[in-house]
Amino acid sequence: MPELSLILPMLVLLMAIGAFAGVIAGLLGVGGGIILVPAFFYAFSGLGYESPQLMQVCLATSLATIIVTSLRSVASHNKKGAVDWEILKGWAPGIAVGAVIGVLVAASLRSVVLQGIFGVLGITVGLYMGLGRAHWRLGEAMPRGIRRAVMSPILGFLSVLMGIGGGSFGVPVMSLYGLPIHRAVATAAGFGVLIAVPSVIGFLFVEIPQAVRPPLTIGAVNLPAFGVIIAMTLITAPWGVRLAHAMDPKPLKRVFAVFLILVAANMLRKAAGL
């Protein structure tokens, strides 16, 4: 068991991270997981729990928090009439199937591979956030039929491999198909629920060796980290939602894009053993 002198600073750090993640999730629609996964990785590594299964714990714990924060975010956005329920219902089955496949794949990969995946996808998301343009379009309406059947599982699958909700991939997809940004952010919060619920159920059955898992970890979900993050994000996610409806988030999005690229690049560096 880590010493109290190590745990207390880490709890303070997690509280700050949780507060920041909640605001960012509500404001930019990128999902708190994009912050939480690397934060958990460095926190647990600092406590001496670095192992080939550590990234599984980080992904699972991040996704567990997303269940709560996404539900809260959907409720807040829905009060403003911003959630597109037709899109949510149409994409739900494919996203859930992709999430389950993501758990099966993540459970079989070593931490270093998952770090590499997070790094590559994180840089991709960051580049789109920083360089993407509002006028870019792939179509004038959200895909249906075969295209939706292909795209929705991919969205769920990639999100689980990064331990994130639906915002980082869902918002760009909906924006590229002409959905207004506020509506895309609100609907992507619903994607987060569809991704997180089935994936967390799966991660609860993933076996992490007792010698290398943080205390009070069930399956791959760490309960203390989950509790601290939820306590903070429940407070701050609605702040982000209010800010999203009151201001233009584009300048902040570009700053966050640079931050994300740096974090993802550092993950790649660690995965490469540099």
Protein backbone atom coordinates (compact mmCIF):
# COMPACT_ATOMS: atom_id res chain seq x y z
CA MET A 1 0.00 0.00 0.00
CA PRO A 2 1.44 3.42 -0.94
CA GLU A 3 2.39 5.74 1.88
CA LEU A 4 0.00 8.51 2.91
CA SER A 5 2.60 11.07 1.84
CA LEU A 6 2.22 9.77 -1.73
CA ILE A 7 -1.56 9.31 -1.73
CA LEU A 8 -2.57 12.76 -0.44
CA PRO A 9 -0.75 14.78 -3.13
CA MET A 10 -2.14 12.39 -5.75
CA LEU A 11 -5.70 12.91 -4.47
CA VAL A 12 -5.24 16.68 -4.67
CA LEU A 13 -3.90 16.30 -8.21
CA LEU A 14 -6.84 14.09 -9.21
CA MET A 15 -9.29 16.64 -7.78
CA ALA A 16 -7.75 19.37 -9.92
CA ILE A 17 -7.69 17.10 -12.96
CA GLY A 18 -11.34 16.14 -12.41
CA ALA A 19 -12.42 19.76 -12.16
CA PHE A 20 -10.57 20.66 -15.36
CA ALA A 21 -11.88 17.59 -17.20
CA GLY A 22 -15.47 18.41 -16.30
CA VAL A 23 -15.26 21.96 -17.64
CA ILE A 24 -13.52 20.85 -20.84
CA ALA A 25 -16.06 18.08 -21.43
CA GLY A 26 -18.98 20.49 -21.20
CA LEU A 27 -17.29 23.37 -23.03
CA LEU A 28 -15.56 21.68 -25.96
CA GLY A 29 -17.37 18.37 -26.22
CA VAL A 30 -14.09 16.45 -26.36
CA GLY A 31 -14.86 14.25 -23.36
CA GLY A 32 -12.98 14.28 -20.08
CA GLY A 33 -11.31 10.97 -20.94
CA ILE A 34 -8.85 12.69 -23.26
CA ILE A 35 -7.43 14.28 -20.10
CA LEU A 36 -8.16 11.53 -17.59
CA VAL A 37 -6.39 8.62 -19.33
CA PRO A 38 -2.91 10.21 -19.35
CA ALA A 39 -3.58 11.75 -15.93
CA PHE A 40 -4.42 8.34 -14.45
CA PHE A 41 -1.40 6.81 -16.15
CA TYR A 42 1.02 9.30 -14.60
CA ALA A 43 -0.75 9.18 -11.23
CA PHE A 44 -0.70 5.39 -10.94
CA SER A 45 2.84 5.20 -12.30
CA GLY A 46 3.92 7.71 -9.66
CA LEU A 47 2.41 5.47 -6.99
CA GLY A 48 4.43 2.52 -8.27
CA TYR A 49 1.73 0.61 -10.18
CA GLU A 50 3.25 0.75 -13.65
CA SER A 51 2.69 -2.61 -15.36
CA PRO A 52 1.75 -4.17 -18.72
CA GLN A 53 -1.92 -3.84 -17.62
CA LEU A 54 -1.82 -0.26 -16.34
CA MET A 55 -3.39 1.31 -19.44
CA GLN A 56 -6.35 -1.06 -19.11
CA VAL A 57 -6.97 0.34 -15.61
CA CYS A 58 -6.67 3.90 -16.95
CA LEU A 59 -9.08 3.27 -19.84
CA ALA A 60 -11.62 1.45 -17.69
CA THR A 61 -11.59 4.01 -14.88
CA SER A 62 -11.88 6.89 -17.34
CA LEU A 63 -14.85 5.24 -19.07
CA ALA A 64 -16.52 4.62 -15.70
CA THR A 65 -16.40 8.35 -14.95
CA ILE A 66 -17.79 9.09 -18.41
CA ILE A 67 -21.02 7.22 -17.58
CA VAL A 68 -21.81 9.77 -14.89
CA THR A 69 -20.44 12.90 -16.57
CA SER A 70 -22.09 12.14 -19.91
CA LEU A 71 -25.48 11.55 -18.29
CA ARG A 72 -25.12 14.86 -16.46
CA SER A 73 -24.02 16.62 -19.64
CA VAL A 74 -26.89 15.16 -21.70
CA ALA A 75 -29.40 16.29 -19.09
CA SER A 76 -27.96 19.81 -19.04
CA HIS A 77 -27.89 20.09 -22.84
CA ASN A 78 -31.36 18.59 -23.17
CA LYS A 79 -32.83 21.35 -20.99
CA LYS A 80 -31.65 23.72 -23.71
CA GLY A 81 -33.19 21.52 -26.44
CA ALA A 82 -29.80 20.86 -28.03
CA VAL A 83 -29.74 17.02 -28.13
CA ASP A 84 -30.63 15.41 -31.48
CA TRP A 85 -32.41 12.27 -30.25
CA GLU A 86 -33.00 10.92 -33.76
CA ILE A 87 -29.27 10.75 -34.44
CA LEU A 88 -28.64 9.29 -30.99
CA LYS A 89 -31.17 6.48 -31.47
CA GLY A 90 -29.97 5.65 -34.97
CA TRP A 91 -26.30 5.43 -34.00
CA ALA A 92 -26.80 3.69 -30.64
CA PRO A 93 -26.66 0.00 -31.69
CA GLY A 94 -23.49 0.33 -33.76
CA ILE A 95 -21.68 2.42 -31.16
CA ALA A 96 -22.49 -0.10 -28.42
CA VAL A 97 -21.29 -3.03 -30.55
CA GLY A 98 -18.06 -1.20 -31.35
CA ALA A 99 -17.53 -0.45 -27.65
CA VAL A 100 -17.82 -4.13 -26.71
CA ILE A 101 -15.34 -5.10 -29.43
CA GLY A 102 -13.05 -2.36 -28.13
CA VAL A 103 -13.04 -3.91 -24.64
CA LEU A 104 -12.18 -7.36 -26.04
CA VAL A 105 -9.27 -5.91 -28.01
CA ALA A 106 -8.02 -3.64 -25.20
CA ALA A 107 -8.08 -6.54 -22.71
CA SER A 108 -5.68 -8.49 -24.92
CA LEU A 109 -3.15 -5.71 -25.49
CA ARG A 110 -0.19 -4.70 -23.37
CA SER A 111 -0.02 -1.25 -21.82
CA VAL A 112 2.72 -0.07 -24.18
CA VAL A 113 0.58 -0.88 -27.25
CA LEU A 114 -2.41 0.98 -25.80
CA GLN A 115 -0.14 3.94 -25.04
CA GLY A 116 0.92 3.98 -28.68
CA ILE A 117 -2.69 3.83 -29.87
CA PHE A 118 -3.66 6.65 -27.53
CA GLY A 119 -0.73 8.72 -28.77
CA VAL A 120 -1.53 8.30 -32.47
CA LEU A 121 -5.27 8.89 -32.08
CA GLY A 122 -4.69 11.76 -29.64
CA ILE A 123 -2.44 13.57 -32.11
CA THR A 124 -5.03 13.00 -34.85
CA VAL A 125 -7.81 14.48 -32.71
CA GLY A 126 -5.59 17.38 -31.68
CA LEU A 127 -4.66 18.21 -35.28
CA TYR A 128 -8.32 18.22 -36.31
CA MET A 129 -9.24 20.42 -33.35
CA GLY A 130 -6.45 22.86 -34.14
CA LEU A 131 -6.60 22.91 -37.93
CA GLY A 132 -10.19 21.90 -38.74
CA ARG A 133 -12.47 24.42 -40.40
CA ALA A 134 -16.19 24.91 -39.81
CA HIS A 135 -16.94 24.85 -43.55
CA TRP A 136 -15.42 21.39 -44.11
CA ARG A 137 -18.13 18.94 -45.17
CA LEU A 138 -18.44 15.26 -46.06
CA GLY A 139 -22.17 15.62 -46.65
CA GLU A 140 -25.24 17.65 -45.78
CA ALA A 141 -26.94 15.02 -43.59
CA MET A 142 -25.75 12.38 -41.14
CA PRO A 143 -25.05 8.98 -42.79
CA ARG A 144 -27.72 6.29 -42.77
CA GLY A 145 -27.92 2.70 -43.92
CA ILE A 146 -24.63 0.97 -44.74
CA ARG A 147 -22.45 4.01 -44.05
CA ARG A 148 -23.92 4.45 -40.57
CA ALA A 149 -23.63 0.70 -39.94
CA VAL A 150 -19.90 0.92 -40.70
CA MET A 151 -19.09 4.26 -39.08
CA SER A 152 -20.93 3.84 -35.77
CA PRO A 153 -19.05 0.71 -34.56
CA ILE A 154 -15.73 2.28 -35.59
CA LEU A 155 -16.57 5.35 -33.49
CA GLY A 156 -17.36 3.19 -30.46
CA PHE A 157 -14.32 0.96 -30.98
CA LEU A 158 -11.76 3.77 -31.28
CA SER A 159 -13.27 5.63 -28.33
CA VAL A 160 -12.82 2.62 -26.02
CA LEU A 161 -9.20 2.17 -27.12
CA MET A 162 -8.62 5.75 -25.99
CA GLY A 163 -10.82 5.55 -22.88
CA ILE A 164 -12.90 8.51 -24.05
CA GLY A 165 -16.54 9.41 -24.57
CA GLY A 166 -18.15 10.29 -27.87
CA GLY A 167 -17.05 13.89 -28.20
CA SER A 168 -13.56 13.55 -29.65
CA PHE A 169 -14.79 11.57 -32.64
CA GLY A 170 -18.54 12.25 -32.56
CA VAL A 171 -18.34 16.05 -32.70
CA PRO A 172 -16.04 16.11 -35.77
CA VAL A 173 -18.19 13.51 -37.56
CA MET A 174 -21.43 15.40 -36.92
CA SER A 175 -19.82 18.74 -37.79
CA LEU A 176 -18.51 17.32 -41.08
CA TYR A 177 -22.07 16.32 -41.91
CA GLY A 178 -23.48 19.77 -41.29
CA LEU A 179 -24.81 19.55 -37.72
CA PRO A 180 -24.40 22.88 -35.84
CA ILE A 181 -21.57 22.70 -33.32
CA HIS A 182 -23.70 23.22 -30.18
CA ARG A 183 -26.06 20.46 -31.32
CA ALA A 184 -23.12 18.19 -32.14
CA VAL A 185 -21.56 18.72 -28.70
CA ALA A 186 -24.87 17.99 -26.96
CA THR A 187 -25.57 14.85 -29.00
CA ALA A 188 -21.99 13.59 -28.59
CA ALA A 189 -22.54 13.58 -24.82
CA GLY A 190 -25.16 10.90 -25.50
CA PHE A 191 -22.61 8.98 -27.56
CA GLY A 192 -20.47 8.94 -24.41
CA VAL A 193 -23.14 7.05 -22.47
CA LEU A 194 -23.52 4.51 -25.29
CA ILE A 195 -19.77 3.94 -25.33
CA ALA A 196 -19.10 3.89 -21.60
CA VAL A 197 -21.89 1.67 -20.23
CA PRO A 198 -21.20 -1.54 -22.22
CA SER A 199 -17.42 -1.05 -22.11
CA VAL A 200 -17.29 -0.59 -18.34
CA ILE A 201 -19.42 -3.71 -17.84
CA GLY A 202 -16.86 -5.57 -19.94
CA PHE A 203 -13.87 -4.08 -18.10
CA LEU A 204 -15.31 -5.22 -14.76
CA PHE A 205 -14.55 -8.78 -15.90
CA VAL A 206 -10.98 -8.08 -17.03
CA GLU A 207 -8.49 -9.69 -14.65
CA ILE A 208 -5.62 -7.51 -13.45
CA PRO A 209 -2.99 -9.31 -11.32
CA GLN A 210 -3.37 -8.27 -7.69
CA ALA A 211 0.33 -7.50 -7.32
CA VAL A 212 0.22 -4.73 -9.94
CA ARG A 213 -3.27 -3.25 -9.60
CA PRO A 214 -3.97 -0.15 -7.51
CA PRO A 215 -5.90 -0.71 -4.25
CA LEU A 216 -9.69 -1.09 -4.46
CA THR A 217 -9.70 -1.99 -8.14
CA ILE A 218 -12.62 -4.14 -9.37
CA GLY A 219 -11.79 -5.76 -12.66
CA ALA A 220 -9.92 -2.89 -14.32
CA VAL A 221 -11.91 -0.06 -12.67
CA ASN A 222 -10.20 1.77 -9.81
CA LEU A 223 -12.85 2.93 -7.36
CA PRO A 224 -10.92 5.68 -5.47
CA ALA A 225 -9.91 7.47 -8.69
CA PHE A 226 -13.46 7.07 -10.02
CA GLY A 227 -14.91 8.61 -6.85
CA VAL A 228 -12.56 11.59 -6.74
CA ILE A 229 -13.04 12.45 -10.41
CA ILE A 230 -16.83 12.12 -10.25
CA ALA A 231 -17.02 14.35 -7.19
CA MET A 232 -15.27 17.12 -9.12
CA THR A 233 -16.76 16.68 -12.60
CA LEU A 234 -20.33 16.58 -11.30
CA ILE A 235 -19.70 20.12 -10.06
CA THR A 236 -17.80 21.50 -13.05
CA ALA A 237 -19.37 19.82 -16.15
CA PRO A 238 -22.48 22.07 -16.03
CA TRP A 239 -20.17 25.09 -15.86
CA GLY A 240 -18.64 23.99 -19.14
CA VAL A 241 -22.08 23.52 -20.69
CA ARG A 242 -23.11 27.06 -19.70
CA LEU A 243 -19.87 28.45 -21.10
CA ALA A 244 -20.40 26.55 -24.36
CA HIS A 245 -23.77 28.27 -24.86
CA ALA A 246 -22.49 31.68 -23.79
CA MET A 247 -19.23 32.07 -25.71
CA ASP A 248 -17.26 31.12 -28.79
CA PRO A 249 -15.02 28.21 -27.75
CA LYS A 250 -12.85 28.26 -30.90
CA PRO A 251 -9.82 30.08 -29.41
CA LEU A 252 -9.82 27.81 -26.37
CA LYS A 253 -10.19 24.77 -28.63
CA ARG A 254 -6.98 25.64 -30.47
CA VAL A 255 -5.07 26.05 -27.23
CA PHE A 256 -6.43 22.74 -25.98
CA ALA A 257 -5.45 21.13 -29.32
CA VAL A 258 -1.81 22.05 -28.73
CA PHE A 259 -2.02 20.73 -25.17
CA LEU A 260 -3.54 17.45 -26.40
CA ILE A 261 -0.90 16.98 -29.10
CA LEU A 262 1.87 17.45 -26.53
CA VAL A 263 0.28 14.95 -24.12
CA ALA A 264 -0.29 12.41 -26.90
CA ALA A 265 3.25 12.86 -28.21
CA ASN A 266 4.60 12.20 -24.71
CA MET A 267 2.55 8.99 -24.59
CA LEU A 268 4.14 7.94 -27.88
CA ARG A 269 7.56 8.76 -26.48
CA LYS A 270 6.97 6.57 -23.43
CA ALA A 271 5.57 3.77 -25.59
CA ALA A 272 8.74 3.89 -27.68
CA GLY A 273 10.85 3.70 -24.50
CA LEU A 274 12.53 7.06 -25.10
